[in-house]
Amino acid sequence: MQSYTIGRAARLLGVSPDTARRWADAGRVATHRDDSGRRLIAGRDLAALCVEV
């Protein structure tokens, strides 16, 4: 399963990274952390958010 960083997901969605972080903090999209602590969004969750936005 491919995952995207908050920054990459934001670029794909056409929003700022801060907006993507706020959506994650609000529970609008699920995130998980990689070994270095970066927040990632699973590809399927990003696709669902694309439909919503």
C-alpha atoms as a PDB file:
ATOM      1  CA  MET A   1       0.000   0.000   0.000  1.00  0.00           C
ATOM      2  CA  GLN A   2       1.398   3.370  -0.992  1.00  0.00           C
ATOM      3  CA  SER A   3       1.378   6.199   1.526  1.00  0.00           C
ATOM      4  CA  TYR A   4       1.916   9.917   1.042  1.00  0.00           C
ATOM      5  CA  THR A   5       3.476  12.530   3.291  1.00  0.00           C
ATOM      6  CA  ILE A   6       1.258  15.386   4.391  1.00  0.00           C
ATOM      7  CA  GLY A   7       3.116  17.723   2.025  1.00  0.00           C
ATOM      8  CA  ARG A   8       2.774  15.440  -1.001  1.00  0.00           C
ATOM      9  CA  ALA A   9      -0.895  14.761  -0.244  1.00  0.00           C
ATOM     10  CA  ALA A  10      -1.520  18.505   0.074  1.00  0.00           C
ATOM     11  CA  ARG A  11       0.062  19.146  -3.344  1.00  0.00           C
ATOM     12  CA  LEU A  12      -2.070  16.416  -4.920  1.00  0.00           C
ATOM     13  CA  LEU A  13      -5.207  17.887  -3.334  1.00  0.00           C
ATOM     14  CA  GLY A  14      -4.307  21.482  -4.229  1.00  0.00           C
ATOM     15  CA  VAL A  15      -4.326  22.689  -0.619  1.00  0.00           C
ATOM     16  CA  SER A  16      -1.632  23.910   1.747  1.00  0.00           C
ATOM     17  CA  PRO A  17       0.208  21.459   4.014  1.00  0.00           C
ATOM     18  CA  ASP A  18      -1.304  23.301   6.991  1.00  0.00           C
ATOM     19  CA  THR A  19      -4.802  22.567   5.669  1.00  0.00           C
ATOM     20  CA  ALA A  20      -3.953  18.882   5.225  1.00  0.00           C
ATOM     21  CA  ARG A  21      -2.572  18.779   8.788  1.00  0.00           C
ATOM     22  CA  ARG A  22      -5.720  20.424  10.161  1.00  0.00           C
ATOM     23  CA  TRP A  23      -7.883  17.875   8.324  1.00  0.00           C
ATOM     24  CA  ALA A  24      -5.799  15.074   9.845  1.00  0.00           C
ATOM     25  CA  ASP A  25      -5.983  16.639  13.324  1.00  0.00           C
ATOM     26  CA  ALA A  26      -9.768  16.963  12.973  1.00  0.00           C
ATOM     27  CA  GLY A  27     -10.089  13.303  11.951  1.00  0.00           C
ATOM     28  CA  ARG A  28     -11.173  14.069   8.400  1.00  0.00           C
ATOM     29  CA  VAL A  29      -8.406  11.798   7.110  1.00  0.00           C
ATOM     30  CA  ALA A  30      -6.497   9.072   8.973  1.00  0.00           C
ATOM     31  CA  THR A  31      -2.725   9.252   9.291  1.00  0.00           C
ATOM     32  CA  HIS A  32      -0.008   6.991  10.592  1.00  0.00           C
ATOM     33  CA  ARG A  33       3.663   7.641  11.317  1.00  0.00           C
ATOM     34  CA  ASP A  34       6.683   6.171   9.607  1.00  0.00           C
ATOM     35  CA  ASP A  35       9.875   5.137  11.413  1.00  0.00           C
ATOM     36  CA  SER A  36      11.217   8.687  11.299  1.00  0.00           C
ATOM     37  CA  GLY A  37       8.015  10.178  12.738  1.00  0.00           C
ATOM     38  CA  ARG A  38       6.554  11.704   9.573  1.00  0.00           C
ATOM     39  CA  ARG A  39       2.782  11.617   9.286  1.00  0.00           C
ATOM     40  CA  LEU A  40       1.586   9.628   6.292  1.00  0.00           C
ATOM     41  CA  ILE A  41      -1.782   9.226   4.607  1.00  0.00           C
ATOM     42  CA  ALA A  42      -2.604   5.859   3.052  1.00  0.00           C
ATOM     43  CA  GLY A  43      -3.370   5.975  -0.662  1.00  0.00           C
ATOM     44  CA  ARG A  44      -6.914   4.672  -0.215  1.00  0.00           C
ATOM     45  CA  ASP A  45      -7.617   7.339   2.428  1.00  0.00           C
ATOM     46  CA  LEU A  46      -6.214  10.026   0.151  1.00  0.00           C
ATOM     47  CA  ALA A  47      -8.432   8.796  -2.700  1.00  0.00           C
ATOM     48  CA  ALA A  48     -11.496   8.953  -0.436  1.00  0.00           C
ATOM     49  CA  LEU A  49     -10.580  12.499   0.574  1.00  0.00           C
ATOM     50  CA  CYS A  50     -10.182  13.490  -3.100  1.00  0.00           C
ATOM     51  CA  VAL A  51     -13.768  12.427  -3.735  1.00  0.00           C
ATOM     52  CA  GLU A  52     -14.941  14.406  -0.699  1.00  0.00           C
ATOM     53  CA  VAL A  53     -13.036  17.577  -1.620  1.00  0.00           C
END
